[in-house]
Amino acid sequence: MLLTLCTVGFLISGYFVGVTFQWVKPDTRWIPPVCRMGQDTCSSVVFTRQARVFGPPNAVLGLLFYLLLAAAAIGGALDEPLVHLALLGISGATVVLGLFLTYSLLFVIRVRCVLCFTSHVVNLALFVILLTGG
């Protein structure tokens, strides 16, 4: 389940990275319709200061997080207490950041971004998995 969630998060982050750097149009045809964002909606999300909380685009940091977590799971490093604790801390930070970003989406930017909400739910699920040792 952890690897599946990392894959979903990675794909969503990859889409946002592509849109951020204008490698992909938000409404490109090869993106499944349920995932496509309109130009206005997507631009209002990926080009805000909330999309760069720590400097680089949040989606780039997301790609790194999902890769790191998946690599740790595949390589068995999650069994190491220090690695597990570090990833749990990072995962917890993604949940806190997700709460801030959800608030921003709903009440500041006022955009209903299904992919954004999905990625926040993925991050919460990953945190619960790491917390429970599942």
C-alpha atoms as a PDB file:
ATOM      1  CA  MET A   1       0.000   0.000   0.000  1.00  0.00           C
ATOM      2  CA  LEU A   2       2.858   2.389   0.826  1.00  0.00           C
ATOM      3  CA  LEU A   3       4.395   1.980  -2.629  1.00  0.00           C
ATOM      4  CA  THR A   4       1.031   2.499  -4.307  1.00  0.00           C
ATOM      5  CA  LEU A   5       0.496   5.732  -2.393  1.00  0.00           C
ATOM      6  CA  CYS A   6       4.038   6.885  -3.210  1.00  0.00           C
ATOM      7  CA  THR A   7       3.322   6.210  -6.886  1.00  0.00           C
ATOM      8  CA  VAL A   8       0.068   8.189  -6.814  1.00  0.00           C
ATOM      9  CA  GLY A   9       1.757  11.067  -4.993  1.00  0.00           C
ATOM     10  CA  PHE A  10       4.692  10.964  -7.396  1.00  0.00           C
ATOM     11  CA  LEU A  11       2.409  11.100 -10.443  1.00  0.00           C
ATOM     12  CA  ILE A  12       0.421  14.044  -9.063  1.00  0.00           C
ATOM     13  CA  SER A  13       3.605  15.896  -8.118  1.00  0.00           C
ATOM     14  CA  GLY A  14       5.075  15.118 -11.534  1.00  0.00           C
ATOM     15  CA  TYR A  15       2.029  16.618 -13.222  1.00  0.00           C
ATOM     16  CA  PHE A  16       2.344  19.777 -11.127  1.00  0.00           C
ATOM     17  CA  VAL A  17       6.087  20.002 -11.805  1.00  0.00           C
ATOM     18  CA  GLY A  18       5.387  19.679 -15.522  1.00  0.00           C
ATOM     19  CA  VAL A  19       2.796  22.449 -15.385  1.00  0.00           C
ATOM     20  CA  THR A  20       4.989  24.656 -13.173  1.00  0.00           C
ATOM     21  CA  PHE A  21       7.910  24.511 -15.592  1.00  0.00           C
ATOM     22  CA  GLN A  22       5.521  24.631 -18.565  1.00  0.00           C
ATOM     23  CA  TRP A  23       6.606  21.235 -19.864  1.00  0.00           C
ATOM     24  CA  VAL A  24       2.961  20.125 -19.795  1.00  0.00           C
ATOM     25  CA  LYS A  25      -0.236  22.053 -20.434  1.00  0.00           C
ATOM     26  CA  PRO A  26      -2.682  21.669 -17.529  1.00  0.00           C
ATOM     27  CA  ASP A  27      -5.437  20.408 -19.818  1.00  0.00           C
ATOM     28  CA  THR A  28      -3.308  18.219 -22.097  1.00  0.00           C
ATOM     29  CA  ARG A  29      -5.214  15.332 -23.683  1.00  0.00           C
ATOM     30  CA  TRP A  30      -3.088  12.458 -22.313  1.00  0.00           C
ATOM     31  CA  ILE A  31      -3.939  13.419 -18.715  1.00  0.00           C
ATOM     32  CA  PRO A  32      -7.082  11.518 -17.614  1.00  0.00           C
ATOM     33  CA  PRO A  33     -10.096  13.888 -17.690  1.00  0.00           C
ATOM     34  CA  VAL A  34     -10.733  13.601 -13.954  1.00  0.00           C
ATOM     35  CA  CYS A  35      -7.165  14.800 -13.305  1.00  0.00           C
ATOM     36  CA  ARG A  36      -7.038  17.613 -15.835  1.00  0.00           C
ATOM     37  CA  MET A  37      -7.128  21.146 -14.585  1.00  0.00           C
ATOM     38  CA  GLY A  38      -8.192  24.136 -16.602  1.00  0.00           C
ATOM     39  CA  GLN A  39      -5.531  26.687 -17.465  1.00  0.00           C
ATOM     40  CA  ASP A  40      -7.008  29.260 -15.053  1.00  0.00           C
ATOM     41  CA  THR A  41      -7.487  26.821 -12.192  1.00  0.00           C
ATOM     42  CA  CYS A  42      -4.058  25.276 -12.487  1.00  0.00           C
ATOM     43  CA  SER A  43      -2.300  28.598 -12.921  1.00  0.00           C
ATOM     44  CA  SER A  44      -4.022  29.977  -9.868  1.00  0.00           C
ATOM     45  CA  VAL A  45      -2.597  27.076  -7.849  1.00  0.00           C
ATOM     46  CA  VAL A  46       0.922  26.395  -9.158  1.00  0.00           C
ATOM     47  CA  PHE A  47       1.967  30.022  -9.603  1.00  0.00           C
ATOM     48  CA  THR A  48       1.076  31.269  -6.125  1.00  0.00           C
ATOM     49  CA  ARG A  49       3.492  31.822  -3.275  1.00  0.00           C
ATOM     50  CA  GLN A  50       1.745  28.957  -1.431  1.00  0.00           C
ATOM     51  CA  ALA A  51       3.073  26.655  -4.164  1.00  0.00           C
ATOM     52  CA  ARG A  52       6.621  27.512  -3.053  1.00  0.00           C
ATOM     53  CA  VAL A  53       6.485  27.459   0.736  1.00  0.00           C
ATOM     54  CA  PHE A  54      10.178  26.557   1.161  1.00  0.00           C
ATOM     55  CA  GLY A  55      11.530  28.183  -2.025  1.00  0.00           C
ATOM     56  CA  PRO A  56      11.430  25.515  -4.723  1.00  0.00           C
ATOM     57  CA  PRO A  57       8.021  24.365  -5.951  1.00  0.00           C
ATOM     58  CA  ASN A  58       6.239  22.184  -3.386  1.00  0.00           C
ATOM     59  CA  ALA A  59       5.720  19.589  -6.119  1.00  0.00           C
ATOM     60  CA  VAL A  60       9.484  19.203  -6.627  1.00  0.00           C
ATOM     61  CA  LEU A  61       9.882  18.549  -2.903  1.00  0.00           C
ATOM     62  CA  GLY A  62       6.994  16.097  -3.184  1.00  0.00           C
ATOM     63  CA  LEU A  63       8.780  14.170  -5.920  1.00  0.00           C
ATOM     64  CA  LEU A  64      11.855  13.896  -3.715  1.00  0.00           C
ATOM     65  CA  PHE A  65       9.801  12.800  -0.703  1.00  0.00           C
ATOM     66  CA  TYR A  66       7.942  10.076  -2.588  1.00  0.00           C
ATOM     67  CA  LEU A  67      11.150   8.789  -4.176  1.00  0.00           C
ATOM     68  CA  LEU A  68      12.972   8.758  -0.836  1.00  0.00           C
ATOM     69  CA  LEU A  69      10.120   6.988   0.943  1.00  0.00           C
ATOM     70  CA  ALA A  70       9.682   4.418  -1.825  1.00  0.00           C
ATOM     71  CA  ALA A  71      13.434   3.759  -1.969  1.00  0.00           C
ATOM     72  CA  ALA A  72      13.554   3.299   1.811  1.00  0.00           C
ATOM     73  CA  ALA A  73      10.629   0.880   1.663  1.00  0.00           C
ATOM     74  CA  ILE A  74      12.071  -1.132  -1.231  1.00  0.00           C
ATOM     75  CA  GLY A  75      15.567  -1.196   0.248  1.00  0.00           C
ATOM     76  CA  GLY A  76      14.382  -2.235   3.706  1.00  0.00           C
ATOM     77  CA  ALA A  77      15.683   0.967   5.324  1.00  0.00           C
ATOM     78  CA  LEU A  78      12.289   1.576   6.961  1.00  0.00           C
ATOM     79  CA  ASP A  79      13.228  -1.215   9.380  1.00  0.00           C
ATOM     80  CA  GLU A  80      16.038   0.997  10.704  1.00  0.00           C
ATOM     81  CA  PRO A  81      14.625   2.986  13.666  1.00  0.00           C
ATOM     82  CA  LEU A  82      16.472   6.215  12.825  1.00  0.00           C
ATOM     83  CA  VAL A  83      15.444   6.147   9.167  1.00  0.00           C
ATOM     84  CA  HIS A  84      11.865   5.329  10.127  1.00  0.00           C
ATOM     85  CA  LEU A  85      11.773   8.177  12.653  1.00  0.00           C
ATOM     86  CA  ALA A  86      13.250  10.654  10.157  1.00  0.00           C
ATOM     87  CA  LEU A  87      10.730   9.707   7.473  1.00  0.00           C
ATOM     88  CA  LEU A  88       7.921   9.820  10.009  1.00  0.00           C
ATOM     89  CA  GLY A  89       8.982  13.364  10.898  1.00  0.00           C
ATOM     90  CA  ILE A  90       9.128  14.430   7.263  1.00  0.00           C
ATOM     91  CA  SER A  91       5.790  12.768   6.650  1.00  0.00           C
ATOM     92  CA  GLY A  92       4.278  14.572   9.625  1.00  0.00           C
ATOM     93  CA  ALA A  93       5.573  17.847   8.223  1.00  0.00           C
ATOM     94  CA  THR A  94       3.840  17.090   4.903  1.00  0.00           C
ATOM     95  CA  VAL A  95       0.563  16.629   6.787  1.00  0.00           C
ATOM     96  CA  VAL A  96       0.949  19.939   8.614  1.00  0.00           C
ATOM     97  CA  LEU A  97       1.885  21.656   5.357  1.00  0.00           C
ATOM     98  CA  GLY A  98      -1.117  19.992   3.719  1.00  0.00           C
ATOM     99  CA  LEU A  99      -3.439  21.479   6.338  1.00  0.00           C
ATOM    100  CA  PHE A 100      -2.037  24.944   5.615  1.00  0.00           C
ATOM    101  CA  LEU A 101      -2.299  24.418   1.858  1.00  0.00           C
ATOM    102  CA  THR A 102      -5.851  23.077   2.121  1.00  0.00           C
ATOM    103  CA  TYR A 103      -6.818  26.142   4.139  1.00  0.00           C
ATOM    104  CA  SER A 104      -5.144  28.336   1.504  1.00  0.00           C
ATOM    105  CA  LEU A 105      -6.959  26.561  -1.320  1.00  0.00           C
ATOM    106  CA  LEU A 106     -10.346  26.885   0.333  1.00  0.00           C
ATOM    107  CA  PHE A 107     -10.158  30.337   1.887  1.00  0.00           C
ATOM    108  CA  VAL A 108      -7.317  32.330   0.265  1.00  0.00           C
ATOM    109  CA  ILE A 109      -6.988  31.196  -3.347  1.00  0.00           C
ATOM    110  CA  ARG A 110     -10.564  29.837  -3.378  1.00  0.00           C
ATOM    111  CA  VAL A 111      -9.866  27.027  -5.810  1.00  0.00           C
ATOM    112  CA  ARG A 112     -11.237  23.508  -5.596  1.00  0.00           C
ATOM    113  CA  CYS A 113      -8.233  21.498  -6.748  1.00  0.00           C
ATOM    114  CA  VAL A 114      -9.092  17.800  -6.707  1.00  0.00           C
ATOM    115  CA  LEU A 115      -5.488  16.768  -7.354  1.00  0.00           C
ATOM    116  CA  CYS A 116      -4.244  18.995  -4.533  1.00  0.00           C
ATOM    117  CA  PHE A 117      -6.747  17.519  -2.094  1.00  0.00           C
ATOM    118  CA  THR A 118      -5.878  14.019  -3.292  1.00  0.00           C
ATOM    119  CA  SER A 119      -2.179  14.587  -2.675  1.00  0.00           C
ATOM    120  CA  HIS A 120      -2.918  15.839   0.843  1.00  0.00           C
ATOM    121  CA  VAL A 121      -4.969  12.706   1.550  1.00  0.00           C
ATOM    122  CA  VAL A 122      -2.124  10.562   0.155  1.00  0.00           C
ATOM    123  CA  ASN A 123       0.310  12.309   2.507  1.00  0.00           C
ATOM    124  CA  LEU A 124      -2.009  11.741   5.470  1.00  0.00           C
ATOM    125  CA  ALA A 125      -2.359   8.057   4.578  1.00  0.00           C
ATOM    126  CA  LEU A 126       1.423   7.704   4.286  1.00  0.00           C
ATOM    127  CA  PHE A 127       1.834   9.329   7.696  1.00  0.00           C
ATOM    128  CA  VAL A 128      -0.676   6.919   9.259  1.00  0.00           C
ATOM    129  CA  ILE A 129       1.089   3.949   7.658  1.00  0.00           C
ATOM    130  CA  LEU A 130       4.457   5.109   8.983  1.00  0.00           C
ATOM    131  CA  LEU A 131       2.987   5.912  12.390  1.00  0.00           C
ATOM    132  CA  THR A 132       1.354   2.526  12.772  1.00  0.00           C
ATOM    133  CA  GLY A 133       4.280   0.638  11.290  1.00  0.00           C
ATOM    134  CA  GLY A 134       2.041  -0.826   8.586  1.00  0.00           C
END
